[in-house]
Amino acid sequence: MTYELLFTDQADADLDSLEADSSLAKRLRAVRKALAFLETNPRHPGLNTHKFSSLKGPGGEEVFEAYAENKTPAAWRIFWYYGPDKKQITIIAITPHP
């Protein structure tokens, strides 16, 4: 099943920041690869997707965290939820892990 990816203003800004900083080119590639996996299979094992319980979507949706990188200092994560419609995923934020 293929999903349409929708981006919040925050997620768009996060992606723009990554694209603007040439020193983050490797991380940008990892984020783009993770987004491609989300589009085709949000449960892809490489994403290590899991529920992020301290955050809810605007309609109370369950929010998930997917890994763009793993075992890397300040590894990047993608926060997202299913919806608002079927076959859609809304990307909330793309951010380095604290």
N, C-alpha and C. Protein backbone atom coordinates (compact mmCIF):
# COMPACT_ATOMS: atom_id res chain seq x y z
N MET A 1 0.84 -1.18 0.00
CA MET A 1 0.00 0.00 0.00
C MET A 1 0.89 1.24 0.00
N THR A 2 0.58 2.18 -0.84
CA THR A 2 1.32 3.42 -0.91
C THR A 2 0.55 4.52 -0.19
N TYR A 3 1.26 5.32 0.59
CA TYR A 3 0.67 6.42 1.33
C TYR A 3 1.09 7.75 0.72
N GLU A 4 0.21 8.71 0.80
CA GLU A 4 0.55 10.08 0.43
C GLU A 4 1.13 10.75 1.68
N LEU A 5 2.29 11.37 1.54
CA LEU A 5 2.89 12.07 2.68
C LEU A 5 2.48 13.53 2.66
N LEU A 6 1.96 13.98 3.80
CA LEU A 6 1.61 15.38 4.01
C LEU A 6 2.57 15.93 5.05
N PHE A 7 2.95 17.18 4.93
CA PHE A 7 3.91 17.78 5.84
C PHE A 7 3.30 18.98 6.55
N THR A 8 3.46 19.03 7.88
CA THR A 8 3.06 20.22 8.61
C THR A 8 4.05 21.33 8.27
N ASP A 9 3.70 22.56 8.65
CA ASP A 9 4.63 23.67 8.43
C ASP A 9 5.96 23.40 9.11
N GLN A 10 5.90 22.81 10.32
CA GLN A 10 7.13 22.50 11.06
C GLN A 10 7.98 21.49 10.29
N ALA A 11 7.35 20.43 9.79
CA ALA A 11 8.10 19.41 9.05
C ALA A 11 8.70 19.98 7.78
N ASP A 12 7.95 20.85 7.09
CA ASP A 12 8.48 21.51 5.89
C ASP A 12 9.71 22.34 6.24
N ALA A 13 9.63 23.09 7.33
CA ALA A 13 10.76 23.92 7.76
C ALA A 13 11.96 23.06 8.15
N ASP A 14 11.69 21.93 8.82
CA ASP A 14 12.77 21.02 9.21
C ASP A 14 13.49 20.48 7.97
N LEU A 15 12.72 20.07 6.97
CA LEU A 15 13.30 19.54 5.74
C LEU A 15 14.06 20.62 4.98
N ASP A 16 13.49 21.82 4.94
CA ASP A 16 14.18 22.95 4.29
C ASP A 16 15.53 23.23 4.96
N SER A 17 15.57 23.18 6.27
CA SER A 17 16.81 23.42 7.01
C SER A 17 17.86 22.37 6.67
N LEU A 18 17.44 21.13 6.59
CA LEU A 18 18.36 20.05 6.22
C LEU A 18 18.90 20.27 4.81
N GLU A 19 18.02 20.64 3.89
CA GLU A 19 18.42 20.84 2.50
C GLU A 19 19.35 22.04 2.34
N ALA A 20 19.21 23.03 3.20
CA ALA A 20 20.01 24.25 3.10
C ALA A 20 21.42 24.10 3.66
N ASP A 21 21.64 23.12 4.52
CA ASP A 21 22.93 22.96 5.18
C ASP A 21 23.72 21.83 4.52
N SER A 22 24.69 22.18 3.70
CA SER A 22 25.45 21.17 2.95
C SER A 22 26.22 20.22 3.87
N SER A 23 26.51 20.64 5.09
CA SER A 23 27.22 19.76 6.02
C SER A 23 26.33 18.61 6.51
N LEU A 24 25.02 18.73 6.25
CA LEU A 24 24.08 17.68 6.67
C LEU A 24 23.61 16.82 5.50
N ALA A 25 24.37 16.79 4.42
CA ALA A 25 23.97 16.05 3.22
C ALA A 25 23.74 14.57 3.51
N LYS A 26 24.60 13.96 4.32
CA LYS A 26 24.44 12.54 4.64
C LYS A 26 23.14 12.32 5.43
N ARG A 27 22.86 13.22 6.34
CA ARG A 27 21.64 13.09 7.13
C ARG A 27 20.40 13.33 6.26
N LEU A 28 20.50 14.25 5.32
CA LEU A 28 19.39 14.50 4.40
C LEU A 28 19.09 13.25 3.59
N ARG A 29 20.12 12.56 3.11
CA ARG A 29 19.90 11.31 2.37
C ARG A 29 19.19 10.28 3.24
N ALA A 30 19.60 10.18 4.50
CA ALA A 30 18.97 9.23 5.42
C ALA A 30 17.50 9.58 5.65
N VAL A 31 17.21 10.86 5.80
CA VAL A 31 15.83 11.30 6.00
C VAL A 31 15.00 11.01 4.76
N ARG A 32 15.53 11.30 3.59
CA ARG A 32 14.79 11.02 2.35
C ARG A 32 14.52 9.53 2.17
N LYS A 33 15.50 8.71 2.52
CA LYS A 33 15.31 7.26 2.44
C LYS A 33 14.22 6.81 3.40
N ALA A 34 14.24 7.35 4.61
CA ALA A 34 13.21 7.00 5.60
C ALA A 34 11.83 7.45 5.13
N LEU A 35 11.73 8.62 4.54
CA LEU A 35 10.45 9.11 4.02
C LEU A 35 9.94 8.19 2.89
N ALA A 36 10.85 7.70 2.07
CA ALA A 36 10.46 6.76 1.01
C ALA A 36 9.92 5.47 1.61
N PHE A 37 10.55 4.99 2.67
CA PHE A 37 10.04 3.80 3.36
C PHE A 37 8.65 4.07 3.93
N LEU A 38 8.47 5.24 4.55
CA LEU A 38 7.17 5.58 5.12
C LEU A 38 6.08 5.59 4.05
N GLU A 39 6.43 6.07 2.88
CA GLU A 39 5.48 6.14 1.78
C GLU A 39 4.99 4.76 1.35
N THR A 40 5.88 3.79 1.39
CA THR A 40 5.53 2.46 0.90
C THR A 40 5.23 1.45 2.01
N ASN A 41 5.87 1.61 3.17
CA ASN A 41 5.68 0.65 4.25
C ASN A 41 6.09 1.26 5.59
N PRO A 42 5.14 1.90 6.28
CA PRO A 42 5.48 2.55 7.56
C PRO A 42 6.01 1.58 8.61
N ARG A 43 5.84 0.30 8.39
CA ARG A 43 6.33 -0.71 9.34
C ARG A 43 7.63 -1.36 8.88
N HIS A 44 8.29 -0.73 7.92
CA HIS A 44 9.57 -1.26 7.44
C HIS A 44 10.51 -1.42 8.62
N PRO A 45 11.19 -2.58 8.74
CA PRO A 45 12.05 -2.82 9.90
C PRO A 45 13.16 -1.78 10.08
N GLY A 46 13.65 -1.20 9.00
CA GLY A 46 14.71 -0.21 9.10
C GLY A 46 14.28 1.08 9.76
N LEU A 47 12.97 1.33 9.82
CA LEU A 47 12.45 2.55 10.45
C LEU A 47 12.36 2.44 11.97
N ASN A 48 12.33 1.20 12.47
CA ASN A 48 12.15 0.99 13.92
C ASN A 48 10.97 1.81 14.44
N THR A 49 9.89 1.83 13.69
CA THR A 49 8.72 2.63 14.05
C THR A 49 8.12 2.16 15.37
N HIS A 50 7.81 3.12 16.23
CA HIS A 50 7.12 2.82 17.48
C HIS A 50 6.28 4.01 17.90
N LYS A 51 5.28 3.71 18.72
CA LYS A 51 4.37 4.74 19.20
C LYS A 51 5.12 5.71 20.09
N PHE A 52 4.81 6.99 19.94
CA PHE A 52 5.40 8.04 20.77
C PHE A 52 4.29 8.53 21.68
N SER A 53 4.24 8.02 22.88
CA SER A 53 3.08 8.19 23.75
C SER A 53 2.89 9.60 24.33
N SER A 54 3.92 10.43 24.33
CA SER A 54 3.78 11.74 24.97
C SER A 54 3.25 12.82 24.02
N LEU A 55 2.81 12.43 22.84
CA LEU A 55 2.32 13.39 21.86
C LEU A 55 1.13 12.79 21.14
N LYS A 56 0.13 13.61 20.84
CA LYS A 56 -1.04 13.20 20.08
C LYS A 56 -1.20 14.11 18.87
N GLY A 57 -1.81 13.58 17.82
CA GLY A 57 -2.12 14.39 16.65
C GLY A 57 -3.22 15.38 16.96
N PRO A 58 -3.55 16.30 16.04
CA PRO A 58 -4.55 17.33 16.30
C PRO A 58 -5.94 16.79 16.57
N GLY A 59 -6.24 15.61 16.07
CA GLY A 59 -7.53 14.97 16.33
C GLY A 59 -7.42 13.84 17.33
N GLY A 60 -6.34 13.82 18.11
CA GLY A 60 -6.12 12.76 19.09
C GLY A 60 -5.47 11.51 18.51
N GLU A 61 -4.96 11.61 17.26
CA GLU A 61 -4.34 10.46 16.61
C GLU A 61 -3.09 10.01 17.36
N GLU A 62 -2.82 8.71 17.27
CA GLU A 62 -1.58 8.19 17.82
C GLU A 62 -0.42 8.69 16.96
N VAL A 63 0.63 9.15 17.61
CA VAL A 63 1.81 9.64 16.91
C VAL A 63 2.89 8.58 17.01
N PHE A 64 3.63 8.43 15.91
CA PHE A 64 4.70 7.44 15.83
C PHE A 64 6.03 8.13 15.58
N GLU A 65 7.08 7.45 16.00
CA GLU A 65 8.45 7.91 15.76
C GLU A 65 9.12 6.89 14.85
N ALA A 66 9.76 7.36 13.80
CA ALA A 66 10.51 6.50 12.90
C ALA A 66 11.95 6.98 12.87
N TYR A 67 12.87 6.04 12.76
CA TYR A 67 14.29 6.38 12.73
C TYR A 67 14.73 6.67 11.31
N ALA A 68 15.37 7.82 11.11
CA ALA A 68 16.05 8.09 9.84
C ALA A 68 17.49 7.60 9.96
N GLU A 69 18.00 7.61 11.19
CA GLU A 69 19.35 7.13 11.48
C GLU A 69 19.28 6.34 12.78
N ASN A 70 20.27 5.47 12.96
CA ASN A 70 20.33 4.67 14.16
C ASN A 70 21.79 4.54 14.58
N LYS A 71 22.02 4.44 15.87
CA LYS A 71 23.38 4.27 16.40
C LYS A 71 24.31 5.37 15.91
N THR A 72 23.79 6.58 15.90
CA THR A 72 24.54 7.76 15.47
C THR A 72 24.28 8.86 16.49
N PRO A 73 25.28 9.61 16.92
CA PRO A 73 25.01 10.73 17.83
C PRO A 73 24.03 11.71 17.19
N ALA A 74 23.06 12.14 17.95
CA ALA A 74 22.02 13.06 17.48
C ALA A 74 21.33 12.54 16.23
N ALA A 75 21.04 11.24 16.22
CA ALA A 75 20.38 10.61 15.08
C ALA A 75 19.03 11.26 14.80
N TRP A 76 18.69 11.39 13.53
CA TRP A 76 17.46 12.06 13.13
C TRP A 76 16.26 11.15 13.23
N ARG A 77 15.13 11.74 13.64
CA ARG A 77 13.87 11.03 13.82
C ARG A 77 12.77 11.75 13.04
N ILE A 78 11.76 10.98 12.67
CA ILE A 78 10.60 11.53 11.97
C ILE A 78 9.38 11.20 12.82
N PHE A 79 8.61 12.22 13.16
CA PHE A 79 7.38 12.05 13.95
C PHE A 79 6.20 12.21 13.02
N TRP A 80 5.24 11.28 13.11
CA TRP A 80 4.15 11.26 12.14
C TRP A 80 2.91 10.56 12.71
N TYR A 81 1.79 10.72 12.00
CA TYR A 81 0.57 10.00 12.34
C TYR A 81 -0.19 9.66 11.06
N TYR A 82 -1.06 8.65 11.16
CA TYR A 82 -1.90 8.27 10.03
C TYR A 82 -3.01 9.29 9.87
N GLY A 83 -3.24 9.74 8.62
CA GLY A 83 -4.36 10.62 8.36
C GLY A 83 -3.90 11.96 7.84
N PRO A 84 -4.86 12.82 7.56
CA PRO A 84 -6.24 12.82 8.04
C PRO A 84 -7.16 11.86 7.27
N ASP A 85 -6.81 11.47 6.07
CA ASP A 85 -7.64 10.53 5.32
C ASP A 85 -6.92 9.19 5.18
N LYS A 86 -7.66 8.21 4.68
CA LYS A 86 -7.05 6.91 4.44
C LYS A 86 -5.92 7.07 3.43
N LYS A 87 -4.91 6.24 3.58
CA LYS A 87 -3.75 6.24 2.70
C LYS A 87 -2.97 7.56 2.76
N GLN A 88 -3.06 8.26 3.88
CA GLN A 88 -2.28 9.48 4.09
C GLN A 88 -1.51 9.38 5.40
N ILE A 89 -0.32 9.91 5.39
CA ILE A 89 0.50 10.03 6.59
C ILE A 89 0.91 11.49 6.70
N THR A 90 0.73 12.06 7.89
CA THR A 90 1.13 13.45 8.13
C THR A 90 2.43 13.44 8.92
N ILE A 91 3.44 14.07 8.34
CA ILE A 91 4.74 14.22 9.00
C ILE A 91 4.66 15.46 9.87
N ILE A 92 4.86 15.29 11.17
CA ILE A 92 4.77 16.39 12.13
C ILE A 92 6.10 17.14 12.22
N ALA A 93 7.18 16.38 12.37
CA ALA A 93 8.49 17.00 12.56
C ALA A 93 9.60 16.04 12.12
N ILE A 94 10.71 16.59 11.72
CA ILE A 94 11.92 15.85 11.37
C ILE A 94 13.02 16.50 12.19
N THR A 95 13.54 15.77 13.15
CA THR A 95 14.41 16.41 14.12
C THR A 95 15.50 15.47 14.64
N PRO A 96 16.63 16.01 15.09
CA PRO A 96 17.64 15.16 15.70
C PRO A 96 17.18 14.68 17.07
N HIS A 97 17.55 13.47 17.40
CA HIS A 97 17.24 12.90 18.71
C HIS A 97 18.06 13.65 19.75
N PRO A 98 17.42 14.03 20.85
CA PRO A 98 18.18 14.78 21.87
C PRO A 98 19.26 13.94 22.53
